[in-house]
Amino acid sequence: MSDQPITQPIAPVLETSRLRLRGFRAEDFDSWFAFSREPAYYRYFGNEPMPAEEVWKLLLRSAGHWVIMGFGFWAVEEKASGRFVGAVGFLRLKRAIEPPLGDAPEIGWVMDPAIHGQGYASEAVAAVLAWGESHFGPVRTVCIIDPGNEPSLKLAAKFGYHEYARGIYHGAPIVLLERPGAAG
């Protein structure tokens, strides 16, 4: 058996004016691990840097979700530099959370703190939501956000997400948000 990585990602490529959303590659790990060490990144994910093993698992989960579910996260690449700057997409993790998320596609995003405030997250989320509407149809989508993460809460609101519950996930408070489908 070969240890050579698959070179043809399953995720479709989406392009915006400044970004390319593509499947993950093994070489995305170094950049993701580097920016995951920044407090502006990890403060809403357990308040401590993730070990390399956990970042690697996130990359593998992000890539593998496409194989099992037919959707997943995209690697976000800045077109001008070719640099990996984040991840955005849909997932279904069967989270142990109350109230349960059910089968609604869950959107999420995380970006390199070095590019915060430049509108990249908005650009990427808009592209992913457009893909989701064409892929899933007019269905309800959800997201979970730390209640202290004002930038992400504002981004979610910009795209029509509103709070429907609060809960605890992995021992921390969480805001559950939803965006009704076109029929909702």
N, C-alpha and C. Protein backbone atom coordinates (compact mmCIF):
# COMPACT_ATOMS: atom_id res chain seq x y z
N MET A 1 0.84 -1.18 0.00
CA MET A 1 0.00 0.00 0.00
C MET A 1 0.88 1.24 0.00
N SER A 2 0.52 2.21 -0.79
CA SER A 2 1.30 3.43 -0.92
C SER A 2 0.94 4.44 0.16
N ASP A 3 1.93 5.19 0.62
CA ASP A 3 1.70 6.28 1.57
C ASP A 3 1.51 7.61 0.84
N GLN A 4 1.40 7.56 -0.47
CA GLN A 4 1.24 8.79 -1.23
C GLN A 4 -0.17 9.35 -1.03
N PRO A 5 -0.28 10.67 -0.76
CA PRO A 5 -1.60 11.27 -0.56
C PRO A 5 -2.40 11.32 -1.85
N ILE A 6 -3.71 11.33 -1.70
CA ILE A 6 -4.59 11.51 -2.85
C ILE A 6 -4.38 12.93 -3.36
N THR A 7 -4.24 13.08 -4.65
CA THR A 7 -3.97 14.42 -5.19
C THR A 7 -5.22 15.06 -5.80
N GLN A 8 -6.30 14.32 -5.92
CA GLN A 8 -7.53 14.87 -6.47
C GLN A 8 -8.57 15.01 -5.37
N PRO A 9 -8.69 16.19 -4.75
CA PRO A 9 -9.68 16.35 -3.69
C PRO A 9 -11.10 16.16 -4.22
N ILE A 10 -11.98 15.70 -3.36
CA ILE A 10 -13.38 15.45 -3.72
C ILE A 10 -14.19 16.74 -3.69
N ALA A 11 -13.83 17.68 -2.82
CA ALA A 11 -14.59 18.92 -2.70
C ALA A 11 -14.54 19.71 -4.00
N PRO A 12 -15.69 20.24 -4.44
CA PRO A 12 -15.65 21.09 -5.63
C PRO A 12 -14.92 22.40 -5.32
N VAL A 13 -14.33 23.00 -6.32
CA VAL A 13 -13.64 24.28 -6.14
C VAL A 13 -14.66 25.40 -6.31
N LEU A 14 -14.68 26.32 -5.34
CA LEU A 14 -15.50 27.52 -5.41
C LEU A 14 -14.55 28.71 -5.46
N GLU A 15 -14.89 29.71 -6.27
CA GLU A 15 -14.04 30.88 -6.36
C GLU A 15 -14.84 32.14 -6.08
N THR A 16 -14.20 33.07 -5.39
CA THR A 16 -14.75 34.40 -5.17
C THR A 16 -13.73 35.37 -5.75
N SER A 17 -13.96 36.65 -5.58
CA SER A 17 -13.01 37.60 -6.16
C SER A 17 -11.61 37.46 -5.56
N ARG A 18 -11.51 37.12 -4.27
CA ARG A 18 -10.19 37.04 -3.63
C ARG A 18 -9.81 35.66 -3.13
N LEU A 19 -10.75 34.73 -3.15
CA LEU A 19 -10.51 33.44 -2.51
C LEU A 19 -10.79 32.27 -3.44
N ARG A 20 -10.09 31.17 -3.16
CA ARG A 20 -10.36 29.88 -3.79
C ARG A 20 -10.67 28.92 -2.65
N LEU A 21 -11.85 28.32 -2.70
CA LEU A 21 -12.23 27.31 -1.72
C LEU A 21 -12.04 25.97 -2.41
N ARG A 22 -11.23 25.12 -1.82
CA ARG A 22 -10.82 23.87 -2.47
C ARG A 22 -10.73 22.78 -1.42
N GLY A 23 -10.52 21.57 -1.88
CA GLY A 23 -10.30 20.46 -0.98
C GLY A 23 -8.99 20.62 -0.22
N PHE A 24 -8.92 19.96 0.92
CA PHE A 24 -7.72 20.03 1.75
C PHE A 24 -6.58 19.23 1.17
N ARG A 25 -5.39 19.68 1.46
CA ARG A 25 -4.16 18.99 1.09
C ARG A 25 -3.31 18.81 2.35
N ALA A 26 -2.46 17.80 2.34
CA ALA A 26 -1.59 17.56 3.49
C ALA A 26 -0.75 18.79 3.81
N GLU A 27 -0.34 19.53 2.79
CA GLU A 27 0.52 20.69 3.04
C GLU A 27 -0.21 21.86 3.70
N ASP A 28 -1.54 21.79 3.84
CA ASP A 28 -2.27 22.82 4.58
C ASP A 28 -2.01 22.73 6.08
N PHE A 29 -1.54 21.59 6.52
CA PHE A 29 -1.34 21.38 7.95
C PHE A 29 -0.41 22.42 8.58
N ASP A 30 0.73 22.68 7.98
CA ASP A 30 1.70 23.58 8.61
C ASP A 30 1.10 24.97 8.86
N SER A 31 0.40 25.50 7.88
CA SER A 31 -0.22 26.82 8.05
C SER A 31 -1.31 26.77 9.10
N TRP A 32 -2.17 25.74 9.05
CA TRP A 32 -3.26 25.64 10.01
C TRP A 32 -2.71 25.51 11.42
N PHE A 33 -1.70 24.66 11.57
CA PHE A 33 -1.10 24.50 12.89
C PHE A 33 -0.50 25.81 13.38
N ALA A 34 0.19 26.54 12.50
CA ALA A 34 0.82 27.80 12.90
C ALA A 34 -0.21 28.81 13.39
N PHE A 35 -1.30 29.02 12.64
CA PHE A 35 -2.24 30.02 13.10
C PHE A 35 -3.14 29.52 14.22
N SER A 36 -3.23 28.20 14.40
CA SER A 36 -4.01 27.67 15.52
C SER A 36 -3.32 27.95 16.86
N ARG A 37 -2.07 28.35 16.84
CA ARG A 37 -1.31 28.67 18.05
C ARG A 37 -1.62 30.10 18.54
N GLU A 38 -2.31 30.89 17.72
CA GLU A 38 -2.60 32.28 18.07
C GLU A 38 -3.80 32.35 19.02
N PRO A 39 -3.69 33.12 20.11
CA PRO A 39 -4.82 33.26 21.03
C PRO A 39 -6.11 33.71 20.36
N ALA A 40 -6.03 34.55 19.33
CA ALA A 40 -7.23 35.00 18.63
C ALA A 40 -7.93 33.85 17.91
N TYR A 41 -7.22 32.77 17.67
CA TYR A 41 -7.80 31.57 17.06
C TYR A 41 -8.41 30.67 18.13
N TYR A 42 -7.63 30.32 19.13
CA TYR A 42 -8.07 29.25 20.04
C TYR A 42 -8.92 29.72 21.22
N ARG A 43 -9.06 31.01 21.43
CA ARG A 43 -9.79 31.46 22.63
C ARG A 43 -11.23 30.98 22.67
N TYR A 44 -11.81 30.64 21.54
CA TYR A 44 -13.19 30.13 21.51
C TYR A 44 -13.24 28.62 21.30
N PHE A 45 -12.09 27.98 21.33
CA PHE A 45 -12.00 26.52 21.15
C PHE A 45 -11.25 25.90 22.32
N GLY A 46 -11.73 26.11 23.53
CA GLY A 46 -11.11 25.52 24.69
C GLY A 46 -10.08 26.38 25.38
N ASN A 47 -9.80 27.55 24.83
CA ASN A 47 -8.92 28.55 25.43
C ASN A 47 -7.48 28.08 25.61
N GLU A 48 -7.05 27.15 24.80
CA GLU A 48 -5.64 26.76 24.77
C GLU A 48 -5.32 26.20 23.40
N PRO A 49 -4.07 26.32 22.96
CA PRO A 49 -3.72 25.82 21.64
C PRO A 49 -3.94 24.32 21.52
N MET A 50 -4.39 23.89 20.37
CA MET A 50 -4.57 22.45 20.13
C MET A 50 -3.21 21.84 19.81
N PRO A 51 -2.98 20.63 20.29
CA PRO A 51 -1.75 19.93 19.89
C PRO A 51 -1.78 19.63 18.39
N ALA A 52 -0.62 19.41 17.84
CA ALA A 52 -0.50 19.12 16.41
C ALA A 52 -1.41 17.97 16.00
N GLU A 53 -1.50 16.95 16.84
CA GLU A 53 -2.34 15.79 16.53
C GLU A 53 -3.80 16.20 16.31
N GLU A 54 -4.31 17.13 17.12
CA GLU A 54 -5.71 17.55 17.00
C GLU A 54 -5.93 18.38 15.73
N VAL A 55 -4.97 19.22 15.38
CA VAL A 55 -5.09 20.00 14.13
C VAL A 55 -5.05 19.05 12.94
N TRP A 56 -4.19 18.05 12.99
CA TRP A 56 -4.12 17.05 11.92
C TRP A 56 -5.45 16.31 11.80
N LYS A 57 -6.06 15.95 12.95
CA LYS A 57 -7.36 15.27 12.92
C LYS A 57 -8.43 16.17 12.31
N LEU A 58 -8.38 17.46 12.60
CA LEU A 58 -9.34 18.40 11.99
C LEU A 58 -9.18 18.43 10.47
N LEU A 59 -7.94 18.46 10.01
CA LEU A 59 -7.69 18.47 8.58
C LEU A 59 -8.23 17.18 7.95
N LEU A 60 -7.94 16.04 8.57
CA LEU A 60 -8.41 14.77 8.04
C LEU A 60 -9.94 14.68 8.06
N ARG A 61 -10.55 15.14 9.16
CA ARG A 61 -12.02 15.14 9.25
C ARG A 61 -12.61 16.03 8.18
N SER A 62 -11.99 17.19 7.98
CA SER A 62 -12.50 18.13 6.99
C SER A 62 -12.46 17.53 5.59
N ALA A 63 -11.39 16.85 5.28
CA ALA A 63 -11.27 16.22 3.96
C ALA A 63 -12.17 15.00 3.86
N GLY A 64 -12.20 14.18 4.89
CA GLY A 64 -12.95 12.92 4.86
C GLY A 64 -14.45 13.08 4.91
N HIS A 65 -14.94 14.16 5.44
CA HIS A 65 -16.38 14.39 5.52
C HIS A 65 -17.02 14.32 4.12
N TRP A 66 -16.28 14.82 3.14
CA TRP A 66 -16.78 14.79 1.75
C TRP A 66 -17.02 13.36 1.27
N VAL A 67 -16.14 12.45 1.63
CA VAL A 67 -16.23 11.06 1.17
C VAL A 67 -17.49 10.39 1.70
N ILE A 68 -17.79 10.60 2.97
CA ILE A 68 -18.91 9.93 3.62
C ILE A 68 -20.24 10.66 3.40
N MET A 69 -20.21 12.00 3.48
CA MET A 69 -21.44 12.77 3.49
C MET A 69 -21.78 13.47 2.17
N GLY A 70 -20.81 13.62 1.29
CA GLY A 70 -21.05 14.36 0.05
C GLY A 70 -21.01 15.86 0.24
N PHE A 71 -20.58 16.30 1.40
CA PHE A 71 -20.36 17.72 1.70
C PHE A 71 -19.34 17.79 2.82
N GLY A 72 -18.84 18.97 3.09
CA GLY A 72 -17.83 19.12 4.14
C GLY A 72 -17.27 20.51 4.17
N PHE A 73 -16.06 20.62 4.67
CA PHE A 73 -15.37 21.89 4.76
C PHE A 73 -14.44 22.06 3.57
N TRP A 74 -14.24 23.30 3.19
CA TRP A 74 -13.26 23.66 2.17
C TRP A 74 -12.06 24.29 2.84
N ALA A 75 -10.90 24.09 2.27
CA ALA A 75 -9.72 24.88 2.61
C ALA A 75 -9.89 26.22 1.91
N VAL A 76 -9.65 27.31 2.62
CA VAL A 76 -9.77 28.65 2.05
C VAL A 76 -8.37 29.13 1.72
N GLU A 77 -8.18 29.45 0.45
CA GLU A 77 -6.87 29.86 -0.05
C GLU A 77 -7.00 31.28 -0.60
N GLU A 78 -6.08 32.13 -0.21
CA GLU A 78 -6.03 33.48 -0.75
C GLU A 78 -5.47 33.39 -2.17
N LYS A 79 -6.25 33.87 -3.15
CA LYS A 79 -5.81 33.75 -4.55
C LYS A 79 -4.49 34.47 -4.81
N ALA A 80 -4.35 35.68 -4.30
CA ALA A 80 -3.17 36.48 -4.61
C ALA A 80 -1.87 35.82 -4.17
N SER A 81 -1.90 35.14 -3.02
CA SER A 81 -0.67 34.55 -2.48
C SER A 81 -0.63 33.03 -2.57
N GLY A 82 -1.81 32.39 -2.75
CA GLY A 82 -1.87 30.93 -2.72
C GLY A 82 -1.82 30.37 -1.30
N ARG A 83 -1.87 31.26 -0.31
CA ARG A 83 -1.72 30.87 1.10
C ARG A 83 -3.02 30.32 1.66
N PHE A 84 -2.94 29.23 2.43
CA PHE A 84 -4.08 28.67 3.17
C PHE A 84 -4.40 29.64 4.30
N VAL A 85 -5.66 30.12 4.36
CA VAL A 85 -6.02 31.13 5.37
C VAL A 85 -7.22 30.73 6.22
N GLY A 86 -7.77 29.54 6.02
CA GLY A 86 -8.89 29.15 6.87
C GLY A 86 -9.65 27.96 6.33
N ALA A 87 -10.78 27.71 6.99
CA ALA A 87 -11.64 26.60 6.62
C ALA A 87 -13.09 27.04 6.82
N VAL A 88 -13.94 26.63 5.91
CA VAL A 88 -15.36 26.96 6.00
C VAL A 88 -16.14 25.86 5.30
N GLY A 89 -17.32 25.56 5.79
CA GLY A 89 -18.14 24.56 5.13
C GLY A 89 -19.26 24.05 6.00
N PHE A 90 -19.82 22.93 5.58
CA PHE A 90 -20.91 22.27 6.28
C PHE A 90 -20.42 20.94 6.84
N LEU A 91 -21.03 20.54 7.95
CA LEU A 91 -20.69 19.26 8.53
C LEU A 91 -21.90 18.70 9.27
N ARG A 92 -21.79 17.46 9.62
CA ARG A 92 -22.77 16.79 10.48
C ARG A 92 -21.97 15.90 11.41
N LEU A 93 -21.87 16.34 12.67
CA LEU A 93 -20.99 15.66 13.62
C LEU A 93 -21.71 14.80 14.66
N LYS A 94 -23.03 14.77 14.61
CA LYS A 94 -23.80 14.02 15.62
C LYS A 94 -23.38 14.48 17.02
N ARG A 95 -23.34 15.79 17.19
CA ARG A 95 -22.91 16.38 18.46
C ARG A 95 -23.86 15.99 19.58
N ALA A 96 -23.30 15.72 20.74
CA ALA A 96 -24.09 15.48 21.95
C ALA A 96 -24.37 16.84 22.57
N ILE A 97 -25.44 17.47 22.11
CA ILE A 97 -25.76 18.84 22.52
C ILE A 97 -27.27 18.95 22.68
N GLU A 98 -27.69 19.73 23.67
CA GLU A 98 -29.12 19.96 23.88
C GLU A 98 -29.42 21.43 23.65
N PRO A 99 -30.45 21.75 22.86
CA PRO A 99 -31.23 20.80 22.09
C PRO A 99 -30.40 20.26 20.93
N PRO A 100 -30.73 19.05 20.47
CA PRO A 100 -29.93 18.45 19.39
C PRO A 100 -30.07 19.24 18.09
N LEU A 101 -29.03 19.19 17.28
CA LEU A 101 -29.04 19.86 15.98
C LEU A 101 -29.82 19.07 14.94
N GLY A 102 -30.03 17.80 15.20
CA GLY A 102 -30.76 16.96 14.25
C GLY A 102 -29.98 16.77 12.96
N ASP A 103 -30.71 16.69 11.87
CA ASP A 103 -30.08 16.45 10.57
C ASP A 103 -29.80 17.73 9.79
N ALA A 104 -30.02 18.88 10.40
CA ALA A 104 -29.76 20.14 9.71
C ALA A 104 -28.27 20.26 9.40
N PRO A 105 -27.91 20.66 8.18
CA PRO A 105 -26.50 20.90 7.91
C PRO A 105 -25.99 22.02 8.83
N GLU A 106 -24.83 21.79 9.42
CA GLU A 106 -24.21 22.76 10.33
C GLU A 106 -23.08 23.47 9.60
N ILE A 107 -23.18 24.78 9.51
CA ILE A 107 -22.11 25.55 8.88
C ILE A 107 -21.12 26.00 9.94
N GLY A 108 -19.87 26.12 9.55
CA GLY A 108 -18.84 26.61 10.44
C GLY A 108 -17.73 27.28 9.65
N TRP A 109 -16.95 28.07 10.35
CA TRP A 109 -15.84 28.77 9.72
C TRP A 109 -14.78 29.06 10.75
N VAL A 110 -13.55 29.12 10.30
CA VAL A 110 -12.42 29.52 11.13
C VAL A 110 -11.36 30.10 10.18
N MET A 111 -10.83 31.24 10.57
CA MET A 111 -9.87 31.92 9.69
C MET A 111 -8.60 32.26 10.46
N ASP A 112 -7.53 32.39 9.72
CA ASP A 112 -6.24 32.82 10.26
C ASP A 112 -6.42 34.21 10.88
N PRO A 113 -6.06 34.39 12.15
CA PRO A 113 -6.21 35.71 12.76
C PRO A 113 -5.51 36.83 12.00
N ALA A 114 -4.48 36.51 11.22
CA ALA A 114 -3.77 37.54 10.45
C ALA A 114 -4.65 38.20 9.40
N ILE A 115 -5.77 37.55 9.03
CA ILE A 115 -6.64 38.14 8.00
C ILE A 115 -7.99 38.57 8.57
N HIS A 116 -8.16 38.51 9.89
CA HIS A 116 -9.41 38.96 10.50
C HIS A 116 -9.68 40.42 10.11
N GLY A 117 -10.94 40.74 9.92
CA GLY A 117 -11.34 42.11 9.64
C GLY A 117 -11.21 42.53 8.19
N GLN A 118 -10.83 41.61 7.30
CA GLN A 118 -10.65 41.95 5.89
C GLN A 118 -11.81 41.49 5.01
N GLY A 119 -12.85 40.92 5.62
CA GLY A 119 -14.01 40.48 4.86
C GLY A 119 -13.87 39.11 4.21
N TYR A 120 -12.77 38.41 4.47
CA TYR A 120 -12.58 37.09 3.86
C TYR A 120 -13.61 36.08 4.36
N ALA A 121 -13.92 36.12 5.65
CA ALA A 121 -14.90 35.17 6.19
C ALA A 121 -16.26 35.40 5.53
N SER A 122 -16.68 36.65 5.39
CA SER A 122 -17.96 36.95 4.72
C SER A 122 -17.97 36.43 3.29
N GLU A 123 -16.88 36.65 2.61
CA GLU A 123 -16.77 36.20 1.21
C GLU A 123 -16.87 34.68 1.12
N ALA A 124 -16.17 33.99 2.00
CA ALA A 124 -16.18 32.53 1.99
C ALA A 124 -17.54 31.98 2.41
N VAL A 125 -18.15 32.54 3.45
CA VAL A 125 -19.45 32.07 3.91
C VAL A 125 -20.51 32.28 2.82
N ALA A 126 -20.48 33.41 2.14
CA ALA A 126 -21.44 33.67 1.06
C ALA A 126 -21.33 32.60 -0.03
N ALA A 127 -20.10 32.25 -0.40
CA ALA A 127 -19.90 31.22 -1.43
C ALA A 127 -20.40 29.86 -0.97
N VAL A 128 -20.13 29.52 0.29
CA VAL A 128 -20.54 28.23 0.82
C VAL A 128 -22.06 28.15 0.96
N LEU A 129 -22.69 29.23 1.41
CA LEU A 129 -24.15 29.23 1.51
C LEU A 129 -24.80 29.09 0.13
N ALA A 130 -24.25 29.74 -0.87
CA ALA A 130 -24.79 29.60 -2.23
C ALA A 130 -24.66 28.15 -2.69
N TRP A 131 -23.51 27.53 -2.42
CA TRP A 131 -23.33 26.12 -2.77
C TRP A 131 -24.34 25.28 -2.01
N GLY A 132 -24.51 25.55 -0.70
CA GLY A 132 -25.44 24.79 0.12
C GLY A 132 -26.87 24.87 -0.38
N GLU A 133 -27.28 26.05 -0.80
CA GLU A 133 -28.64 26.20 -1.31
C GLU A 133 -28.84 25.39 -2.58
N SER A 134 -27.83 25.34 -3.43
CA SER A 134 -27.97 24.53 -4.65
C SER A 134 -27.83 23.04 -4.36
N HIS A 135 -27.07 22.67 -3.34
CA HIS A 135 -26.84 21.26 -3.02
C HIS A 135 -27.95 20.68 -2.14
N PHE A 136 -28.31 21.37 -1.06
CA PHE A 136 -29.29 20.87 -0.10
C PHE A 136 -30.72 21.28 -0.45
N GLY A 137 -30.85 22.36 -1.22
CA GLY A 137 -32.18 22.93 -1.46
C GLY A 137 -32.54 23.88 -0.34
N PRO A 138 -33.80 24.24 -0.25
CA PRO A 138 -34.23 25.24 0.75
C PRO A 138 -34.43 24.62 2.14
N VAL A 139 -33.35 24.25 2.78
CA VAL A 139 -33.43 23.61 4.10
C VAL A 139 -32.88 24.52 5.19
N ARG A 140 -33.29 24.26 6.40
CA ARG A 140 -32.78 24.94 7.58
C ARG A 140 -31.32 24.53 7.77
N THR A 141 -30.47 25.50 8.07
CA THR A 141 -29.08 25.22 8.43
C THR A 141 -28.84 25.83 9.81
N VAL A 142 -27.85 25.31 10.51
CA VAL A 142 -27.57 25.72 11.88
C VAL A 142 -26.09 26.01 12.06
N CYS A 143 -25.77 26.67 13.16
CA CYS A 143 -24.38 26.81 13.58
C CYS A 143 -24.34 26.99 15.08
N ILE A 144 -23.19 26.71 15.66
CA ILE A 144 -22.99 26.94 17.09
C ILE A 144 -21.80 27.87 17.25
N ILE A 145 -21.95 28.82 18.19
CA ILE A 145 -20.91 29.84 18.37
C ILE A 145 -20.78 30.13 19.86
N ASP A 146 -19.56 30.31 20.31
CA ASP A 146 -19.30 30.73 21.69
C ASP A 146 -19.98 32.08 21.91
N PRO A 147 -20.70 32.27 23.02
CA PRO A 147 -21.42 33.52 23.23
C PRO A 147 -20.52 34.76 23.30
N GLY A 148 -19.24 34.59 23.56
CA GLY A 148 -18.31 35.72 23.59
C GLY A 148 -17.71 36.06 22.24
N ASN A 149 -17.98 35.26 21.23
CA ASN A 149 -17.37 35.45 19.92
C ASN A 149 -18.22 36.42 19.08
N GLU A 150 -18.14 37.70 19.43
CA GLU A 150 -18.95 38.72 18.76
C GLU A 150 -18.73 38.77 17.24
N PRO A 151 -17.49 38.70 16.74
CA PRO A 151 -17.33 38.74 15.28
C PRO A 151 -18.07 37.61 14.56
N SER A 152 -18.02 36.39 15.11
CA SER A 152 -18.73 35.28 14.47
C SER A 152 -20.23 35.43 14.61
N LEU A 153 -20.69 35.92 15.76
CA LEU A 153 -22.14 36.15 15.92
C LEU A 153 -22.64 37.20 14.93
N LYS A 154 -21.85 38.24 14.71
CA LYS A 154 -22.22 39.27 13.73
C LYS A 154 -22.22 38.70 12.31
N LEU A 155 -21.24 37.87 12.01
CA LEU A 155 -21.19 37.26 10.69
C LEU A 155 -22.40 36.36 10.47
N ALA A 156 -22.74 35.57 11.47
CA ALA A 156 -23.92 34.70 11.36
C ALA A 156 -25.18 35.54 11.14
N ALA A 157 -25.34 36.61 11.89
CA ALA A 157 -26.51 37.48 11.74
C ALA A 157 -26.56 38.10 10.35
N LYS A 158 -25.42 38.47 9.82
CA LYS A 158 -25.35 39.06 8.47
C LYS A 158 -25.97 38.12 7.44
N PHE A 159 -25.84 36.82 7.66
CA PHE A 159 -26.35 35.84 6.71
C PHE A 159 -27.69 35.23 7.14
N GLY A 160 -28.37 35.89 8.07
CA GLY A 160 -29.73 35.48 8.43
C GLY A 160 -29.85 34.46 9.54
N TYR A 161 -28.76 34.16 10.24
CA TYR A 161 -28.84 33.22 11.36
C TYR A 161 -29.32 33.97 12.60
N HIS A 162 -30.20 33.33 13.35
CA HIS A 162 -30.68 33.93 14.59
C HIS A 162 -30.65 32.87 15.70
N GLU A 163 -30.47 33.35 16.92
CA GLU A 163 -30.39 32.46 18.07
C GLU A 163 -31.73 31.79 18.30
N TYR A 164 -31.69 30.48 18.54
CA TYR A 164 -32.91 29.77 18.90
C TYR A 164 -32.77 29.03 20.23
N ALA A 165 -31.54 28.92 20.73
CA ALA A 165 -31.34 28.27 22.03
C ALA A 165 -29.93 28.55 22.52
N ARG A 166 -29.74 28.27 23.81
CA ARG A 166 -28.41 28.28 24.42
C ARG A 166 -28.21 26.92 25.05
N GLY A 167 -26.98 26.50 25.10
CA GLY A 167 -26.70 25.20 25.68
C GLY A 167 -25.28 25.12 26.18
N ILE A 168 -24.89 23.92 26.53
CA ILE A 168 -23.53 23.63 26.98
C ILE A 168 -22.97 22.57 26.03
N TYR A 169 -21.77 22.80 25.54
CA TYR A 169 -21.11 21.83 24.68
C TYR A 169 -19.67 21.69 25.16
N HIS A 170 -19.28 20.47 25.47
CA HIS A 170 -17.95 20.19 26.03
C HIS A 170 -17.67 21.07 27.24
N GLY A 171 -18.69 21.26 28.08
CA GLY A 171 -18.53 21.99 29.32
C GLY A 171 -18.53 23.50 29.20
N ALA A 172 -18.74 24.02 28.00
CA ALA A 172 -18.71 25.48 27.79
C ALA A 172 -20.06 25.95 27.24
N PRO A 173 -20.45 27.18 27.58
CA PRO A 173 -21.71 27.70 27.03
C PRO A 173 -21.60 27.90 25.52
N ILE A 174 -22.73 27.72 24.86
CA ILE A 174 -22.77 27.82 23.40
C ILE A 174 -24.10 28.44 22.98
N VAL A 175 -24.06 29.20 21.91
CA VAL A 175 -25.27 29.75 21.30
C VAL A 175 -25.59 28.90 20.08
N LEU A 176 -26.84 28.44 19.97
CA LEU A 176 -27.29 27.68 18.81
C LEU A 176 -28.06 28.66 17.93
N LEU A 177 -27.70 28.70 16.66
CA LEU A 177 -28.34 29.60 15.71
C LEU A 177 -28.88 28.81 14.54
N GLU A 178 -29.92 29.35 13.90
CA GLU A 178 -30.49 28.70 12.74
C GLU A 178 -30.80 29.72 11.66
N ARG A 179 -30.84 29.22 10.46
CA ARG A 179 -31.21 30.00 9.28
C ARG A 179 -32.26 29.16 8.56
N PRO A 180 -33.51 29.65 8.56
CA PRO A 180 -34.54 28.85 7.91
C PRO A 180 -34.28 28.72 6.41
N GLY A 181 -34.74 27.62 5.83
CA GLY A 181 -34.68 27.47 4.38
C GLY A 181 -35.67 28.42 3.73
N ALA A 182 -35.66 28.48 2.44
CA ALA A 182 -36.53 29.40 1.70
C ALA A 182 -37.99 29.18 2.05
N ALA A 183 -38.36 27.93 2.34
CA ALA A 183 -39.77 27.63 2.68
C ALA A 183 -40.05 27.95 4.14
N GLY A 184 -38.97 28.16 4.96
CA GLY A 184 -39.12 28.40 6.39
C GLY A 184 -39.35 29.81 6.64
